[in-house]
Amino acid sequence: MESALNLLIILIALLHLLFLILEMFLWTKPAGRKIFRMKQEYAESTSRLAANQGLYNGFLAAGLVWAVYSGQFSVQLFFLSCVFVAGVFGALTVSRNIFWVQAMPAILALMLLTLSA
């Protein structure tokens, strides 16, 4: 069960690295605009906000990697809970799809974490 949990946490970390790349480096590029369904003008005017958000996603990714490396229940619980809360907030304020992409994997990992405790 621990291996499955660690694998899921690493996958969630990789998702957040992808979010970092999209928000910090591809936000104004055609790929980023297509993914987020934005016009060029909007992407340009919000690029600094997106880069800031991308940086936070990078911190979440780093925390998740640390959680796996440390193996500490409290560290894993903290960072997975942060991802879950961010996913629910994003789903409520931006798009319901964020729930499935961000919050649901965190819920699954939190379930595995509590089962393995």
PDB file of N, CA and C in Angstrom:
ATOM      1  N   MET A   1       0.831  -1.200   0.000  1.00  0.00           N
ATOM      2  CA  MET A   1       0.000   0.000   0.000  1.00  0.00           C
ATOM      3  C   MET A   1       0.865   1.248   0.000  1.00  0.00           C
ATOM      4  N   GLU A   2       1.994   1.183   0.699  1.00  0.00           N
ATOM      5  CA  GLU A   2       2.886   2.343   0.767  1.00  0.00           C
ATOM      6  C   GLU A   2       3.441   2.693  -0.610  1.00  0.00           C
ATOM      7  N   SER A   3       3.753   1.673  -1.401  1.00  0.00           N
ATOM      8  CA  SER A   3       4.273   1.927  -2.752  1.00  0.00           C
ATOM      9  C   SER A   3       3.231   2.605  -3.625  1.00  0.00           C
ATOM     10  N   ALA A   4       1.983   2.158  -3.518  1.00  0.00           N
ATOM     11  CA  ALA A   4       0.904   2.771  -4.290  1.00  0.00           C
ATOM     12  C   ALA A   4       0.716   4.226  -3.864  1.00  0.00           C
ATOM     13  N   LEU A   5       0.776   4.474  -2.566  1.00  0.00           N
ATOM     14  CA  LEU A   5       0.645   5.839  -2.053  1.00  0.00           C
ATOM     15  C   LEU A   5       1.772   6.718  -2.580  1.00  0.00           C
ATOM     16  N   ASN A   6       3.001   6.238  -2.477  1.00  0.00           N
ATOM     17  CA  ASN A   6       4.150   7.028  -2.953  1.00  0.00           C
ATOM     18  C   ASN A   6       4.054   7.305  -4.444  1.00  0.00           C
ATOM     19  N   LEU A   7       3.629   6.313  -5.209  1.00  0.00           N
ATOM     20  CA  LEU A   7       3.478   6.503  -6.656  1.00  0.00           C
ATOM     21  C   LEU A   7       2.419   7.566  -6.949  1.00  0.00           C
ATOM     22  N   LEU A   8       1.304   7.501  -6.249  1.00  0.00           N
ATOM     23  CA  LEU A   8       0.244   8.488  -6.457  1.00  0.00           C
ATOM     24  C   LEU A   8       0.701   9.890  -6.067  1.00  0.00           C
ATOM     25  N   ILE A   9       1.419  10.002  -4.964  1.00  0.00           N
ATOM     26  CA  ILE A   9       1.926  11.325  -4.555  1.00  0.00           C
ATOM     27  C   ILE A   9       2.904  11.859  -5.594  1.00  0.00           C
ATOM     28  N   ILE A  10       3.760  11.012  -6.129  1.00  0.00           N
ATOM     29  CA  ILE A  10       4.711  11.448  -7.170  1.00  0.00           C
ATOM     30  C   ILE A  10       3.950  11.890  -8.425  1.00  0.00           C
ATOM     31  N   LEU A  11       2.907  11.167  -8.785  1.00  0.00           N
ATOM     32  CA  LEU A  11       2.107  11.573  -9.952  1.00  0.00           C
ATOM     33  C   LEU A  11       1.445  12.924  -9.718  1.00  0.00           C
ATOM     34  N   ILE A  12       0.957  13.153  -8.507  1.00  0.00           N
ATOM     35  CA  ILE A  12       0.358  14.454  -8.183  1.00  0.00           C
ATOM     36  C   ILE A  12       1.432  15.543  -8.242  1.00  0.00           C
ATOM     37  N   ALA A  13       2.624  15.241  -7.755  1.00  0.00           N
ATOM     38  CA  ALA A  13       3.733  16.206  -7.837  1.00  0.00           C
ATOM     39  C   ALA A  13       4.057  16.534  -9.293  1.00  0.00           C
ATOM     40  N   LEU A  14       4.071  15.513 -10.146  1.00  0.00           N
ATOM     41  CA  LEU A  14       4.339  15.744 -11.568  1.00  0.00           C
ATOM     42  C   LEU A  14       3.246  16.602 -12.211  1.00  0.00           C
ATOM     43  N   LEU A  15       1.998  16.383 -11.806  1.00  0.00           N
ATOM     44  CA  LEU A  15       0.917  17.242 -12.288  1.00  0.00           C
ATOM     45  C   LEU A  15       1.189  18.699 -11.930  1.00  0.00           C
ATOM     46  N   HIS A  16       1.639  18.928 -10.702  1.00  0.00           N
ATOM     47  CA  HIS A  16       1.892  20.306 -10.275  1.00  0.00           C
ATOM     48  C   HIS A  16       3.115  20.896 -10.962  1.00  0.00           C
ATOM     49  N   LEU A  17       4.071  20.069 -11.316  1.00  0.00           N
ATOM     50  CA  LEU A  17       5.182  20.568 -12.140  1.00  0.00           C
ATOM     51  C   LEU A  17       4.679  20.960 -13.523  1.00  0.00           C
ATOM     52  N   LEU A  18       3.757  20.181 -14.046  1.00  0.00           N
ATOM     53  CA  LEU A  18       3.150  20.521 -15.332  1.00  0.00           C
ATOM     54  C   LEU A  18       2.389  21.841 -15.224  1.00  0.00           C
ATOM     55  N   PHE A  19       1.641  22.014 -14.133  1.00  0.00           N
ATOM     56  CA  PHE A  19       0.934  23.284 -13.926  1.00  0.00           C
ATOM     57  C   PHE A  19       1.923  24.440 -13.874  1.00  0.00           C
ATOM     58  N   LEU A  20       3.046  24.235 -13.182  1.00  0.00           N
ATOM     59  CA  LEU A  20       4.093  25.269 -13.114  1.00  0.00           C
ATOM     60  C   LEU A  20       4.550  25.648 -14.517  1.00  0.00           C
ATOM     61  N   ILE A  21       4.841  24.662 -15.333  1.00  0.00           N
ATOM     62  CA  ILE A  21       5.321  24.921 -16.695  1.00  0.00           C
ATOM     63  C   ILE A  21       4.265  25.667 -17.510  1.00  0.00           C
ATOM     64  N   LEU A  22       3.028  25.198 -17.416  1.00  0.00           N
ATOM     65  CA  LEU A  22       1.944  25.852 -18.162  1.00  0.00           C
ATOM     66  C   LEU A  22       1.759  27.302 -17.731  1.00  0.00           C
ATOM     67  N   GLU A  23       1.774  27.534 -16.424  1.00  0.00           N
ATOM     68  CA  GLU A  23       1.457  28.872 -15.922  1.00  0.00           C
ATOM     69  C   GLU A  23       2.642  29.834 -15.977  1.00  0.00           C
ATOM     70  N   MET A  24       3.837  29.324 -15.831  1.00  0.00           N
ATOM     71  CA  MET A  24       5.004  30.217 -15.822  1.00  0.00           C
ATOM     72  C   MET A  24       5.616  30.422 -17.202  1.00  0.00           C
ATOM     73  N   PHE A  25       5.556  29.403 -18.046  1.00  0.00           N
ATOM     74  CA  PHE A  25       6.308  29.466 -19.305  1.00  0.00           C
ATOM     75  C   PHE A  25       5.444  29.377 -20.561  1.00  0.00           C
ATOM     76  N   LEU A  26       4.274  28.776 -20.460  1.00  0.00           N
ATOM     77  CA  LEU A  26       3.452  28.586 -21.662  1.00  0.00           C
ATOM     78  C   LEU A  26       2.158  29.384 -21.653  1.00  0.00           C
ATOM     79  N   TRP A  27       1.942  30.189 -20.637  1.00  0.00           N
ATOM     80  CA  TRP A  27       0.692  30.925 -20.470  1.00  0.00           C
ATOM     81  C   TRP A  27       0.314  31.743 -21.703  1.00  0.00           C
ATOM     82  N   THR A  28       1.271  32.457 -22.272  1.00  0.00           N
ATOM     83  CA  THR A  28       0.985  33.326 -23.421  1.00  0.00           C
ATOM     84  C   THR A  28       1.274  32.654 -24.760  1.00  0.00           C
ATOM     85  N   LYS A  29       1.778  31.442 -24.715  1.00  0.00           N
ATOM     86  CA  LYS A  29       2.092  30.691 -25.938  1.00  0.00           C
ATOM     87  C   LYS A  29       0.816  30.009 -26.457  1.00  0.00           C
ATOM     88  N   PRO A  30       0.814  29.625 -27.727  1.00  0.00           N
ATOM     89  CA  PRO A  30      -0.391  28.986 -28.288  1.00  0.00           C
ATOM     90  C   PRO A  30      -0.875  27.769 -27.488  1.00  0.00           C
ATOM     91  N   ALA A  31       0.041  26.934 -27.030  1.00  0.00           N
ATOM     92  CA  ALA A  31      -0.373  25.744 -26.269  1.00  0.00           C
ATOM     93  C   ALA A  31      -1.064  26.131 -24.967  1.00  0.00           C
ATOM     94  N   GLY A  32      -0.495  27.070 -24.243  1.00  0.00           N
ATOM     95  CA  GLY A  32      -1.088  27.514 -22.988  1.00  0.00           C
ATOM     96  C   GLY A  32      -2.435  28.188 -23.195  1.00  0.00           C
ATOM     97  N   ARG A  33      -2.507  29.022 -24.222  1.00  0.00           N
ATOM     98  CA  ARG A  33      -3.776  29.711 -24.496  1.00  0.00           C
ATOM     99  C   ARG A  33      -4.854  28.722 -24.894  1.00  0.00           C
ATOM    100  N   LYS A  34      -4.472  27.691 -25.621  1.00  0.00           N
ATOM    101  CA  LYS A  34      -5.445  26.680 -26.032  1.00  0.00           C
ATOM    102  C   LYS A  34      -5.944  25.885 -24.825  1.00  0.00           C
ATOM    103  N   ILE A  35      -5.031  25.465 -23.971  1.00  0.00           N
ATOM    104  CA  ILE A  35      -5.409  24.684 -22.787  1.00  0.00           C
ATOM    105  C   ILE A  35      -6.343  25.468 -21.887  1.00  0.00           C
ATOM    106  N   PHE A  36      -6.030  26.743 -21.673  1.00  0.00           N
ATOM    107  CA  PHE A  36      -6.840  27.574 -20.778  1.00  0.00           C
ATOM    108  C   PHE A  36      -7.910  28.382 -21.512  1.00  0.00           C
ATOM    109  N   ARG A  37      -8.024  28.177 -22.824  1.00  0.00           N
ATOM    110  CA  ARG A  37      -9.042  28.836 -23.644  1.00  0.00           C
ATOM    111  C   ARG A  37      -9.021  30.349 -23.477  1.00  0.00           C
ATOM    112  N   MET A  38      -7.864  30.940 -23.778  1.00  0.00           N
ATOM    113  CA  MET A  38      -7.696  32.387 -23.606  1.00  0.00           C
ATOM    114  C   MET A  38      -7.324  33.053 -24.912  1.00  0.00           C
ATOM    115  N   LYS A  39      -7.733  34.289 -25.019  1.00  0.00           N
ATOM    116  CA  LYS A  39      -7.273  35.123 -26.128  1.00  0.00           C
ATOM    117  C   LYS A  39      -5.918  35.709 -25.747  1.00  0.00           C
ATOM    118  N   GLN A  40      -5.153  36.094 -26.755  1.00  0.00           N
ATOM    119  CA  GLN A  40      -3.800  36.610 -26.551  1.00  0.00           C
ATOM    120  C   GLN A  40      -3.779  37.795 -25.588  1.00  0.00           C
ATOM    121  N   GLU A  41      -4.705  38.732 -25.763  1.00  0.00           N
ATOM    122  CA  GLU A  41      -4.721  39.935 -24.932  1.00  0.00           C
ATOM    123  C   GLU A  41      -4.916  39.579 -23.448  1.00  0.00           C
ATOM    124  N   TYR A  42      -5.850  38.671 -23.195  1.00  0.00           N
ATOM    125  CA  TYR A  42      -6.111  38.266 -21.806  1.00  0.00           C
ATOM    126  C   TYR A  42      -4.893  37.548 -21.221  1.00  0.00           C
ATOM    127  N   ALA A  43      -4.300  36.667 -22.009  1.00  0.00           N
ATOM    128  CA  ALA A  43      -3.118  35.939 -21.539  1.00  0.00           C
ATOM    129  C   ALA A  43      -1.984  36.903 -21.201  1.00  0.00           C
ATOM    130  N   GLU A  44      -1.773  37.892 -22.047  1.00  0.00           N
ATOM    131  CA  GLU A  44      -0.724  38.879 -21.793  1.00  0.00           C
ATOM    132  C   GLU A  44      -1.005  39.678 -20.520  1.00  0.00           C
ATOM    133  N   SER A  45      -2.264  40.083 -20.341  1.00  0.00           N
ATOM    134  CA  SER A  45      -2.588  40.929 -19.194  1.00  0.00           C
ATOM    135  C   SER A  45      -2.591  40.165 -17.869  1.00  0.00           C
ATOM    136  N   THR A  46      -2.675  38.835 -17.918  1.00  0.00           N
ATOM    137  CA  THR A  46      -2.702  38.042 -16.687  1.00  0.00           C
ATOM    138  C   THR A  46      -1.444  37.191 -16.497  1.00  0.00           C
ATOM    139  N   SER A  47      -0.447  37.398 -17.319  1.00  0.00           N
ATOM    140  CA  SER A  47       0.731  36.521 -17.284  1.00  0.00           C
ATOM    141  C   SER A  47       1.489  36.588 -15.959  1.00  0.00           C
ATOM    142  N   ARG A  48       1.560  37.749 -15.341  1.00  0.00           N
ATOM    143  CA  ARG A  48       2.260  37.846 -14.046  1.00  0.00           C
ATOM    144  C   ARG A  48       1.502  37.103 -12.954  1.00  0.00           C
ATOM    145  N   LEU A  49       0.195  37.212 -12.967  1.00  0.00           N
ATOM    146  CA  LEU A  49      -0.616  36.463 -12.000  1.00  0.00           C
ATOM    147  C   LEU A  49      -0.445  34.965 -12.201  1.00  0.00           C
ATOM    148  N   ALA A  50      -0.445  34.531 -13.461  1.00  0.00           N
ATOM    149  CA  ALA A  50      -0.287  33.111 -13.763  1.00  0.00           C
ATOM    150  C   ALA A  50       1.090  32.606 -13.337  1.00  0.00           C
ATOM    151  N   ALA A  51       2.115  33.414 -13.544  1.00  0.00           N
ATOM    152  CA  ALA A  51       3.465  33.013 -13.134  1.00  0.00           C
ATOM    153  C   ALA A  51       3.539  32.847 -11.615  1.00  0.00           C
ATOM    154  N   ASN A  52       2.892  33.734 -10.891  1.00  0.00           N
ATOM    155  CA  ASN A  52       2.843  33.637  -9.436  1.00  0.00           C
ATOM    156  C   ASN A  52       2.136  32.342  -9.022  1.00  0.00           C
ATOM    157  N   GLN A  53       1.039  32.070  -9.666  1.00  0.00           N
ATOM    158  CA  GLN A  53       0.287  30.840  -9.390  1.00  0.00           C
ATOM    159  C   GLN A  53       1.131  29.614  -9.737  1.00  0.00           C
ATOM    160  N   GLY A  54       1.863  29.679 -10.823  1.00  0.00           N
ATOM    161  CA  GLY A  54       2.743  28.580 -11.212  1.00  0.00           C
ATOM    162  C   GLY A  54       3.816  28.323 -10.179  1.00  0.00           C
ATOM    163  N   LEU A  55       4.351  29.395  -9.620  1.00  0.00           N
ATOM    164  CA  LEU A  55       5.366  29.248  -8.582  1.00  0.00           C
ATOM    165  C   LEU A  55       4.800  28.501  -7.380  1.00  0.00           C
ATOM    166  N   TYR A  56       3.580  28.842  -6.979  1.00  0.00           N
ATOM    167  CA  TYR A  56       2.940  28.138  -5.866  1.00  0.00           C
ATOM    168  C   TYR A  56       2.738  26.657  -6.192  1.00  0.00           C
ATOM    169  N   ASN A  57       2.389  26.359  -7.431  1.00  0.00           N
ATOM    170  CA  ASN A  57       2.261  24.955  -7.822  1.00  0.00           C
ATOM    171  C   ASN A  57       3.614  24.245  -7.738  1.00  0.00           C
ATOM    172  N   GLY A  58       4.675  24.962  -8.040  1.00  0.00           N
ATOM    173  CA  GLY A  58       6.011  24.382  -7.890  1.00  0.00           C
ATOM    174  C   GLY A  58       6.331  24.080  -6.437  1.00  0.00           C
ATOM    175  N   PHE A  59       5.917  24.968  -5.535  1.00  0.00           N
ATOM    176  CA  PHE A  59       6.122  24.713  -4.104  1.00  0.00           C
ATOM    177  C   PHE A  59       5.331  23.491  -3.655  1.00  0.00           C
ATOM    178  N   LEU A  60       4.108  23.330  -4.171  1.00  0.00           N
ATOM    179  CA  LEU A  60       3.334  22.140  -3.839  1.00  0.00           C
ATOM    180  C   LEU A  60       4.040  20.887  -4.343  1.00  0.00           C
ATOM    181  N   ALA A  61       4.563  20.944  -5.556  1.00  0.00           N
ATOM    182  CA  ALA A  61       5.293  19.794  -6.103  1.00  0.00           C
ATOM    183  C   ALA A  61       6.497  19.455  -5.237  1.00  0.00           C
ATOM    184  N   ALA A  62       7.257  20.468  -4.843  1.00  0.00           N
ATOM    185  CA  ALA A  62       8.427  20.234  -3.987  1.00  0.00           C
ATOM    186  C   ALA A  62       8.008  19.636  -2.649  1.00  0.00           C
ATOM    187  N   GLY A  63       6.927  20.145  -2.081  1.00  0.00           N
ATOM    188  CA  GLY A  63       6.439  19.613  -0.813  1.00  0.00           C
ATOM    189  C   GLY A  63       5.988  18.173  -0.934  1.00  0.00           C
ATOM    190  N   LEU A  64       5.362  17.833  -2.047  1.00  0.00           N
ATOM    191  CA  LEU A  64       4.921  16.454  -2.261  1.00  0.00           C
ATOM    192  C   LEU A  64       6.116  15.509  -2.416  1.00  0.00           C
ATOM    193  N   VAL A  65       7.140  15.961  -3.113  1.00  0.00           N
ATOM    194  CA  VAL A  65       8.356  15.138  -3.240  1.00  0.00           C
ATOM    195  C   VAL A  65       8.995  14.949  -1.866  1.00  0.00           C
ATOM    196  N   TRP A  66       9.051  16.009  -1.100  1.00  0.00           N
ATOM    197  CA  TRP A  66       9.576  15.916   0.271  1.00  0.00           C
ATOM    198  C   TRP A  66       8.724  14.940   1.095  1.00  0.00           C
ATOM    199  N   ALA A  67       7.418  14.988   0.915  1.00  0.00           N
ATOM    200  CA  ALA A  67       6.513  14.102   1.647  1.00  0.00           C
ATOM    201  C   ALA A  67       6.839  12.635   1.366  1.00  0.00           C
ATOM    202  N   VAL A  68       7.107  12.323   0.102  1.00  0.00           N
ATOM    203  CA  VAL A  68       7.468  10.940  -0.242  1.00  0.00           C
ATOM    204  C   VAL A  68       8.830  10.591   0.344  1.00  0.00           C
ATOM    205  N   TYR A  69       9.781  11.487   0.172  1.00  0.00           N
ATOM    206  CA  TYR A  69      11.145  11.237   0.646  1.00  0.00           C
ATOM    207  C   TYR A  69      11.181  11.058   2.161  1.00  0.00           C
ATOM    208  N   SER A  70      10.456  11.901   2.890  1.00  0.00           N
ATOM    209  CA  SER A  70      10.481  11.838   4.350  1.00  0.00           C
ATOM    210  C   SER A  70       9.690  10.657   4.880  1.00  0.00           C
ATOM    211  N   GLY A  71       8.628  10.287   4.167  1.00  0.00           N
ATOM    212  CA  GLY A  71       7.768   9.213   4.626  1.00  0.00           C
ATOM    213  C   GLY A  71       6.961   9.565   5.867  1.00  0.00           C
ATOM    214  N   GLN A  72       6.982  10.824   6.249  1.00  0.00           N
ATOM    215  CA  GLN A  72       6.280  11.247   7.463  1.00  0.00           C
ATOM    216  C   GLN A  72       4.805  11.485   7.170  1.00  0.00           C
ATOM    217  N   PHE A  73       3.975  10.860   7.967  1.00  0.00           N
ATOM    218  CA  PHE A  73       2.526  10.977   7.820  1.00  0.00           C
ATOM    219  C   PHE A  73       2.081  12.437   7.840  1.00  0.00           C
ATOM    220  N   SER A  74       2.598  13.212   8.781  1.00  0.00           N
ATOM    221  CA  SER A  74       2.150  14.598   8.926  1.00  0.00           C
ATOM    222  C   SER A  74       2.525  15.448   7.710  1.00  0.00           C
ATOM    223  N   VAL A  75       3.676  15.218   7.130  1.00  0.00           N
ATOM    224  CA  VAL A  75       4.099  15.974   5.941  1.00  0.00           C
ATOM    225  C   VAL A  75       3.225  15.580   4.746  1.00  0.00           C
ATOM    226  N   GLN A  76       2.976  14.293   4.600  1.00  0.00           N
ATOM    227  CA  GLN A  76       2.121  13.819   3.516  1.00  0.00           C
ATOM    228  C   GLN A  76       0.708  14.367   3.670  1.00  0.00           C
ATOM    229  N   LEU A  77       0.182  14.305   4.882  1.00  0.00           N
ATOM    230  CA  LEU A  77      -1.165  14.810   5.148  1.00  0.00           C
ATOM    231  C   LEU A  77      -1.257  16.304   4.847  1.00  0.00           C
ATOM    232  N   PHE A  78      -0.263  17.064   5.269  1.00  0.00           N
ATOM    233  CA  PHE A  78      -0.286  18.509   5.056  1.00  0.00           C
ATOM    234  C   PHE A  78      -0.311  18.855   3.571  1.00  0.00           C
ATOM    235  N   PHE A  79       0.628  18.320   2.789  1.00  0.00           N
ATOM    236  CA  PHE A  79       0.711  18.720   1.385  1.00  0.00           C
ATOM    237  C   PHE A  79      -0.441  18.166   0.556  1.00  0.00           C
ATOM    238  N   LEU A  80      -0.890  16.951   0.849  1.00  0.00           N
ATOM    239  CA  LEU A  80      -2.057  16.431   0.137  1.00  0.00           C
ATOM    240  C   LEU A  80      -3.303  17.236   0.482  1.00  0.00           C
ATOM    241  N   SER A  81      -3.422  17.662   1.720  1.00  0.00           N
ATOM    242  CA  SER A  81      -4.557  18.496   2.116  1.00  0.00           C
ATOM    243  C   SER A  81      -4.508  19.850   1.413  1.00  0.00           C
ATOM    244  N   CYS A  82      -3.316  20.421   1.287  1.00  0.00           N
ATOM    245  CA  CYS A  82      -3.165  21.690   0.549  1.00  0.00           C
ATOM    246  C   CYS A  82      -3.624  21.526  -0.895  1.00  0.00           C
ATOM    247  N   VAL A  83      -3.224  20.437  -1.532  1.00  0.00           N
ATOM    248  CA  VAL A  83      -3.631  20.182  -2.918  1.00  0.00           C
ATOM    249  C   VAL A  83      -5.146  20.025  -2.995  1.00  0.00           C
ATOM    250  N   PHE A  84      -5.714  19.284  -2.061  1.00  0.00           N
ATOM    251  CA  PHE A  84      -7.162  19.081  -2.051  1.00  0.00           C
ATOM    252  C   PHE A  84      -7.905  20.414  -1.906  1.00  0.00           C
ATOM    253  N   VAL A  85      -7.506  21.229  -0.941  1.00  0.00           N
ATOM    254  CA  VAL A  85      -8.171  22.509  -0.715  1.00  0.00           C
ATOM    255  C   VAL A  85      -8.033  23.399  -1.951  1.00  0.00           C
ATOM    256  N   ALA A  86      -6.848  23.438  -2.537  1.00  0.00           N
ATOM    257  CA  ALA A  86      -6.643  24.240  -3.751  1.00  0.00           C
ATOM    258  C   ALA A  86      -7.538  23.741  -4.885  1.00  0.00           C
ATOM    259  N   GLY A  87      -7.667  22.426  -5.004  1.00  0.00           N
ATOM    260  CA  GLY A  87      -8.519  21.858  -6.050  1.00  0.00           C
ATOM    261  C   GLY A  87      -9.986  22.173  -5.851  1.00  0.00           C
ATOM    262  N   VAL A  88     -10.460  22.095  -4.617  1.00  0.00           N
ATOM    263  CA  VAL A  88     -11.859  22.429  -4.334  1.00  0.00           C
ATOM    264  C   VAL A  88     -12.103  23.921  -4.575  1.00  0.00           C
ATOM    265  N   PHE A  89     -11.183  24.755  -4.110  1.00  0.00           N
ATOM    266  CA  PHE A  89     -11.335  26.193  -4.326  1.00  0.00           C
ATOM    267  C   PHE A  89     -11.356  26.517  -5.819  1.00  0.00           C
ATOM    268  N   GLY A  90     -10.446  25.926  -6.563  1.00  0.00           N
ATOM    269  CA  GLY A  90     -10.419  26.145  -8.012  1.00  0.00           C
ATOM    270  C   GLY A  90     -11.693  25.674  -8.684  1.00  0.00           C
ATOM    271  N   ALA A  91     -12.225  24.548  -8.227  1.00  0.00           N
ATOM    272  CA  ALA A  91     -13.470  24.028  -8.799  1.00  0.00           C
ATOM    273  C   ALA A  91     -14.643  24.964  -8.517  1.00  0.00           C
ATOM    274  N   LEU A  92     -14.647  25.558  -7.343  1.00  0.00           N
ATOM    275  CA  LEU A  92     -15.739  26.457  -6.963  1.00  0.00           C
ATOM    276  C   LEU A  92     -15.631  27.830  -7.625  1.00  0.00           C
ATOM    277  N   THR A  93     -14.408  28.266  -7.907  1.00  0.00           N
ATOM    278  CA  THR A  93     -14.226  29.638  -8.385  1.00  0.00           C
ATOM    279  C   THR A  93     -13.847  29.757  -9.859  1.00  0.00           C
ATOM    280  N   VAL A  94     -13.318  28.684 -10.457  1.00  0.00           N
ATOM    281  CA  VAL A  94     -12.839  28.787 -11.832  1.00  0.00           C
ATOM    282  C   VAL A  94     -13.536  27.801 -12.759  1.00  0.00           C
ATOM    283  N   SER A  95     -13.363  26.505 -12.487  1.00  0.00           N
ATOM    284  CA  SER A  95     -13.918  25.474 -13.368  1.00  0.00           C
ATOM    285  C   SER A  95     -14.104  24.177 -12.584  1.00  0.00           C
ATOM    286  N   ARG A  96     -15.209  23.528 -12.815  1.00  0.00           N
ATOM    287  CA  ARG A  96     -15.458  22.238 -12.150  1.00  0.00           C
ATOM    288  C   ARG A  96     -14.423  21.189 -12.525  1.00  0.00           C
ATOM    289  N   ASN A  97     -13.838  21.320 -13.697  1.00  0.00           N
ATOM    290  CA  ASN A  97     -12.820  20.354 -14.140  1.00  0.00           C
ATOM    291  C   ASN A  97     -11.639  20.300 -13.187  1.00  0.00           C
ATOM    292  N   ILE A  98     -11.359  21.397 -12.512  1.00  0.00           N
ATOM    293  CA  ILE A  98     -10.230  21.433 -11.585  1.00  0.00           C
ATOM    294  C   ILE A  98     -10.429  20.423 -10.474  1.00  0.00           C
ATOM    295  N   PHE A  99     -11.672  20.180 -10.085  1.00  0.00           N
ATOM    296  CA  PHE A  99     -11.932  19.174  -9.053  1.00  0.00           C
ATOM    297  C   PHE A  99     -11.382  17.819  -9.481  1.00  0.00           C
ATOM    298  N   TRP A 100     -11.673  17.431 -10.713  1.00  0.00           N
ATOM    299  CA  TRP A 100     -11.277  16.099 -11.195  1.00  0.00           C
ATOM    300  C   TRP A 100      -9.780  16.000 -11.433  1.00  0.00           C
ATOM    301  N   VAL A 101      -9.170  17.083 -11.869  1.00  0.00           N
ATOM    302  CA  VAL A 101      -7.743  17.063 -12.187  1.00  0.00           C
ATOM    303  C   VAL A 101      -6.876  17.221 -10.941  1.00  0.00           C
ATOM    304  N   GLN A 102      -7.315  18.022  -9.983  1.00  0.00           N
ATOM    305  CA  GLN A 102      -6.475  18.345  -8.836  1.00  0.00           C
ATOM    306  C   GLN A 102      -6.984  17.750  -7.525  1.00  0.00           C
ATOM    307  N   ALA A 103      -8.255  17.960  -7.217  1.00  0.00           N
ATOM    308  CA  ALA A 103      -8.762  17.519  -5.913  1.00  0.00           C
ATOM    309  C   ALA A 103      -8.956  16.008  -5.839  1.00  0.00           C
ATOM    310  N   MET A 104      -9.471  15.395  -6.905  1.00  0.00           N
ATOM    311  CA  MET A 104      -9.752  13.957  -6.860  1.00  0.00           C
ATOM    312  C   MET A 104      -8.490  13.109  -6.645  1.00  0.00           C
ATOM    313  N   PRO A 105      -7.391  13.376  -7.358  1.00  0.00           N
ATOM    314  CA  PRO A 105      -6.177  12.603  -7.052  1.00  0.00           C
ATOM    315  C   PRO A 105      -5.722  12.784  -5.602  1.00  0.00           C
ATOM    316  N   ALA A 106      -5.885  13.997  -5.077  1.00  0.00           N
ATOM    317  CA  ALA A 106      -5.517  14.244  -3.676  1.00  0.00           C
ATOM    318  C   ALA A 106      -6.414  13.453  -2.736  1.00  0.00           C
ATOM    319  N   ILE A 107      -7.709  13.377  -3.041  1.00  0.00           N
ATOM    320  CA  ILE A 107      -8.631  12.592  -2.217  1.00  0.00           C
ATOM    321  C   ILE A 107      -8.202  11.124  -2.216  1.00  0.00           C
ATOM    322  N   LEU A 108      -7.879  10.601  -3.391  1.00  0.00           N
ATOM    323  CA  LEU A 108      -7.450   9.197  -3.481  1.00  0.00           C
ATOM    324  C   LEU A 108      -6.182   8.969  -2.663  1.00  0.00           C
ATOM    325  N   ALA A 109      -5.231   9.890  -2.765  1.00  0.00           N
ATOM    326  CA  ALA A 109      -3.990   9.757  -1.999  1.00  0.00           C
ATOM    327  C   ALA A 109      -4.261   9.881  -0.498  1.00  0.00           C
ATOM    328  N   LEU A 110      -5.143  10.786  -0.102  1.00  0.00           N
ATOM    329  CA  LEU A 110      -5.492  10.923   1.313  1.00  0.00           C
ATOM    330  C   LEU A 110      -6.158   9.655   1.836  1.00  0.00           C
ATOM    331  N   MET A 111      -6.986   9.026   1.019  1.00  0.00           N
ATOM    332  CA  MET A 111      -7.604   7.764   1.420  1.00  0.00           C
ATOM    333  C   MET A 111      -6.550   6.685   1.617  1.00  0.00           C
ATOM    334  N   LEU A 112      -5.625   6.565   0.664  1.00  0.00           N
ATOM    335  CA  LEU A 112      -4.531   5.595   0.813  1.00  0.00           C
ATOM    336  C   LEU A 112      -3.682   5.894   2.043  1.00  0.00           C
ATOM    337  N   LEU A 113      -3.436   7.176   2.266  1.00  0.00           N
ATOM    338  CA  LEU A 113      -2.627   7.575   3.415  1.00  0.00           C
ATOM    339  C   LEU A 113      -3.284   7.152   4.725  1.00  0.00           C
ATOM    340  N   THR A 114      -4.574   7.395   4.844  1.00  0.00           N
ATOM    341  CA  THR A 114      -5.261   7.036   6.094  1.00  0.00           C
ATOM    342  C   THR A 114      -5.393   5.529   6.242  1.00  0.00           C
ATOM    343  N   LEU A 115      -5.539   4.808   5.141  1.00  0.00           N
ATOM    344  CA  LEU A 115      -5.606   3.343   5.205  1.00  0.00           C
ATOM    345  C   LEU A 115      -4.276   2.717   5.587  1.00  0.00           C
ATOM    346  N   SER A 116      -3.192   3.394   5.204  1.00  0.00           N
ATOM    347  CA  SER A 116      -1.866   2.835   5.493  1.00  0.00           C
ATOM    348  C   SER A 116      -1.332   3.267   6.860  1.00  0.00           C
ATOM    349  N   ALA A 117      -2.029   4.188   7.513  1.00  0.00           N
ATOM    350  CA  ALA A 117      -1.558   4.694   8.815  1.00  0.00           C
ATOM    351  C   ALA A 117      -1.792   3.693   9.941  1.00  0.00           C
TER     352      ALA A 117
END
